[in-house]
Amino acid sequence: MVTRKTTAAKTTAGKTAARKTAAAMPVEAASTAAASNGDSAKGAKKGMPALPSLADLGKLVEKFKLPGIDVNAIVESQRKDMEALAEANRQAYEGIKALAQRRNEILQEALVQWQDAMKDATGKDALSKRTEMAKKGVQQAIANFRELAEMEAQSRGKAWKVLQDRFQENVSNLQKLLKPK
């Protein structure tokens, strides 16, 4: 029992001393120590190690020379996956941008219509004009909402199609690999 307490006390004292040493260490020495531990200088600045590229991973796997595994094909497949994700992201961004642009146009058109309606708010037929303008405004709002919803659906569909195509390609490649020879 005494031994456990002594060991625990030594461990706690060791951790405390290590924290004090690390806190007292200058920033330059800390980054040098991190770099010597295998982290890159760039990763040490952010507090995270740098991630290897797909090419680096391919070279690493090639060192093991696993029989029956085409490392280049795996790396190429991952590259295509990343390209598909990037393309889907680009499609989504373009769709959102077009949607926002159209929404702004609709708001400007509505403002102009509202200003015109306010100019005609006086006169003999003011009540009938207001009623007619309100009816047209509601119809226009429904049409605009429908247009924006269709634009959003098309944008989402385009981005999703890119990912579906890549998934189908991966399934096809997997089926080829699993066929008995």
Protein backbone atom coordinates (compact mmCIF):
# COMPACT_ATOMS: atom_id res chain seq x y z
CA MET A 1 0.00 0.00 0.00
CA VAL A 2 2.82 2.38 0.84
CA THR A 3 4.52 1.55 -2.45
CA ARG A 4 1.46 2.56 -4.49
CA LYS A 5 1.18 5.93 -2.78
CA THR A 6 4.87 6.60 -3.27
CA THR A 7 4.72 5.65 -6.97
CA ALA A 8 1.61 7.77 -7.49
CA ALA A 9 3.27 10.70 -5.76
CA LYS A 10 6.38 10.33 -7.91
CA THR A 11 4.27 10.18 -11.10
CA THR A 12 2.27 13.26 -10.13
CA ALA A 13 5.45 15.12 -9.18
CA GLY A 14 7.03 14.13 -12.53
CA LYS A 15 4.02 15.39 -14.51
CA THR A 16 3.99 18.66 -12.61
CA ALA A 17 7.72 19.17 -13.23
CA ALA A 18 7.24 18.44 -16.95
CA ARG A 19 4.43 21.01 -17.17
CA LYS A 20 6.52 23.64 -15.42
CA THR A 21 9.46 22.93 -17.74
CA ALA A 22 7.25 23.14 -20.83
CA ALA A 23 5.67 26.38 -19.60
CA ALA A 24 9.07 27.92 -18.90
CA MET A 25 10.49 26.83 -22.29
CA PRO A 26 10.75 29.66 -24.86
CA VAL A 27 8.48 29.48 -27.91
CA GLU A 28 11.40 28.90 -30.28
CA ALA A 29 12.67 25.97 -28.25
CA ALA A 30 9.17 24.49 -28.10
CA SER A 31 8.77 24.66 -31.86
CA THR A 32 12.24 23.15 -32.34
CA ALA A 33 11.34 20.34 -29.98
CA ALA A 34 8.09 19.76 -31.84
CA ALA A 35 9.92 19.69 -35.16
CA SER A 36 12.39 17.15 -33.82
CA ASN A 37 9.50 14.94 -32.73
CA GLY A 38 8.43 14.49 -36.34
CA ASP A 39 6.00 17.39 -36.64
CA SER A 40 6.63 19.96 -39.33
CA ALA A 41 7.33 23.57 -38.44
CA LYS A 42 4.05 24.50 -40.10
CA GLY A 43 2.17 21.99 -37.95
CA ALA A 44 3.93 23.21 -34.82
CA LYS A 45 2.61 26.74 -35.43
CA LYS A 46 -0.96 25.53 -35.61
CA GLY A 47 -0.54 22.99 -32.83
CA MET A 48 -1.32 20.12 -35.19
CA PRO A 49 0.96 17.91 -37.27
CA ALA A 50 0.79 18.45 -41.03
CA LEU A 51 -1.21 15.85 -42.95
CA PRO A 52 0.60 13.89 -45.66
CA SER A 53 -0.53 14.22 -49.25
CA LEU A 54 -1.97 11.31 -51.23
CA ALA A 55 1.33 10.99 -53.11
CA ASP A 56 3.21 10.70 -49.80
CA LEU A 57 0.82 8.02 -48.63
CA GLY A 58 1.29 6.16 -51.91
CA LYS A 59 5.07 6.21 -51.48
CA LEU A 60 4.72 4.99 -47.92
CA VAL A 61 2.49 2.06 -48.91
CA GLU A 62 4.81 1.17 -51.81
CA LYS A 63 7.63 0.66 -49.30
CA PHE A 64 5.69 -2.25 -47.85
CA LYS A 65 5.25 -3.82 -51.32
CA LEU A 66 2.00 -5.58 -50.57
CA PRO A 67 1.38 -8.36 -53.10
CA GLY A 68 -1.72 -8.05 -55.24
CA ILE A 69 -2.41 -4.43 -54.30
CA ASP A 70 -2.09 -1.72 -56.89
CA VAL A 71 -1.12 1.29 -54.81
CA ASN A 72 -1.22 3.66 -57.76
CA ALA A 73 -4.81 2.62 -58.47
CA ILE A 74 -5.78 3.28 -54.84
CA VAL A 75 -4.12 6.69 -54.85
CA GLU A 76 -5.73 7.53 -58.19
CA SER A 77 -9.13 6.47 -56.88
CA GLN A 78 -8.75 8.70 -53.83
CA ARG A 79 -7.67 11.58 -56.04
CA LYS A 80 -10.79 11.14 -58.16
CA ASP A 81 -12.93 11.07 -55.01
CA MET A 82 -11.43 14.36 -53.87
CA GLU A 83 -11.96 15.89 -57.31
CA ALA A 84 -15.61 14.76 -57.26
CA LEU A 85 -16.10 16.33 -53.84
CA ALA A 86 -14.48 19.55 -55.01
CA GLU A 87 -16.69 19.63 -58.11
CA ALA A 88 -19.83 18.98 -56.06
CA ASN A 89 -18.80 21.78 -53.72
CA ARG A 90 -18.26 24.11 -56.69
CA GLN A 91 -21.67 23.20 -58.12
CA ALA A 92 -23.34 23.86 -54.75
CA TYR A 93 -21.54 27.19 -54.39
CA GLU A 94 -22.56 28.32 -57.88
CA GLY A 95 -26.15 27.32 -57.18
CA ILE A 96 -26.28 29.22 -53.90
CA LYS A 97 -24.70 32.24 -55.57
CA ALA A 98 -27.29 32.21 -58.38
CA LEU A 99 -30.07 31.74 -55.85
CA ALA A 100 -28.93 34.71 -53.77
CA GLN A 101 -28.59 36.84 -56.89
CA ARG A 102 -32.10 36.00 -58.05
CA ARG A 103 -33.51 36.61 -54.57
CA ASN A 104 -31.94 40.09 -54.58
CA GLU A 105 -33.43 40.81 -58.01
CA ILE A 106 -36.86 39.72 -56.75
CA LEU A 107 -36.56 41.99 -53.72
CA GLN A 108 -35.61 44.96 -55.92
CA GLU A 109 -38.56 44.27 -58.24
CA ALA A 110 -40.89 44.06 -55.24
CA LEU A 111 -39.58 47.38 -53.92
CA VAL A 112 -40.22 49.10 -57.25
CA GLN A 113 -43.74 47.63 -57.40
CA TRP A 114 -44.43 48.76 -53.84
CA GLN A 115 -43.25 52.29 -54.63
CA ASP A 116 -45.48 52.38 -57.71
CA ALA A 117 -48.41 51.15 -55.64
CA MET A 118 -47.86 53.92 -53.09
CA LYS A 119 -47.93 56.56 -55.85
CA ASP A 120 -51.32 55.32 -56.99
CA ALA A 121 -52.70 55.03 -53.44
CA THR A 122 -54.88 58.10 -53.79
CA GLY A 123 -57.85 58.81 -56.02
CA LYS A 124 -61.34 57.58 -56.73
CA ASP A 125 -60.50 53.95 -57.33
CA ALA A 126 -57.81 53.68 -54.60
CA LEU A 127 -59.48 50.78 -52.77
CA SER A 128 -59.97 48.71 -55.91
CA LYS A 129 -56.42 49.49 -57.06
CA ARG A 130 -55.01 48.43 -53.69
CA THR A 131 -57.02 45.22 -53.77
CA GLU A 132 -55.83 44.43 -57.28
CA MET A 133 -52.20 45.25 -56.36
CA ALA A 134 -52.41 43.04 -53.26
CA LYS A 135 -53.80 40.17 -55.35
CA LYS A 136 -51.03 40.57 -57.95
CA GLY A 137 -48.44 40.84 -55.14
CA VAL A 138 -49.54 37.56 -53.59
CA GLN A 139 -49.52 35.81 -56.97
CA GLN A 140 -46.07 37.22 -57.74
CA ALA A 141 -44.74 36.15 -54.33
CA ILE A 142 -45.98 32.58 -54.92
CA ALA A 143 -44.40 32.54 -58.40
CA ASN A 144 -41.12 33.89 -57.00
CA PHE A 145 -41.10 31.34 -54.19
CA ARG A 146 -41.71 28.55 -56.70
CA GLU A 147 -38.89 29.84 -58.94
CA LEU A 148 -36.42 29.99 -56.04
CA ALA A 149 -37.41 26.50 -54.87
CA GLU A 150 -36.86 25.12 -58.38
CA MET A 151 -33.47 26.83 -58.61
CA GLU A 152 -32.45 25.35 -55.25
CA ALA A 153 -33.60 21.87 -56.28
CA GLN A 154 -31.69 22.05 -59.57
CA SER A 155 -28.55 23.24 -57.81
CA ARG A 156 -28.77 20.47 -55.23
CA GLY A 157 -29.46 17.93 -57.97
CA LYS A 158 -26.38 18.94 -59.97
CA ALA A 159 -24.09 18.69 -56.95
CA TRP A 160 -25.58 15.37 -55.90
CA LYS A 161 -25.25 13.97 -59.45
CA VAL A 162 -21.48 14.51 -59.35
CA LEU A 163 -21.24 12.48 -56.14
CA GLN A 164 -23.59 9.78 -57.41
CA ASP A 165 -21.56 9.35 -60.59
CA ARG A 166 -18.35 8.96 -58.59
CA PHE A 167 -20.03 6.48 -56.24
CA GLN A 168 -21.24 4.42 -59.22
CA GLU A 169 -17.72 4.43 -60.63
CA ASN A 170 -16.36 3.18 -57.28
CA VAL A 171 -18.98 0.41 -57.14
CA SER A 172 -18.11 -0.62 -60.71
CA ASN A 173 -14.40 -0.75 -59.86
CA LEU A 174 -15.12 -2.80 -56.75
CA GLN A 175 -17.20 -5.26 -58.76
CA LYS A 176 -14.32 -5.68 -61.22
CA LEU A 177 -11.92 -6.38 -58.36
CA LEU A 178 -14.20 -8.94 -56.75
CA LYS A 179 -14.86 -10.94 -59.93
CA PRO A 180 -13.17 -14.33 -59.84
CA LYS A 181 -10.41 -14.69 -62.37
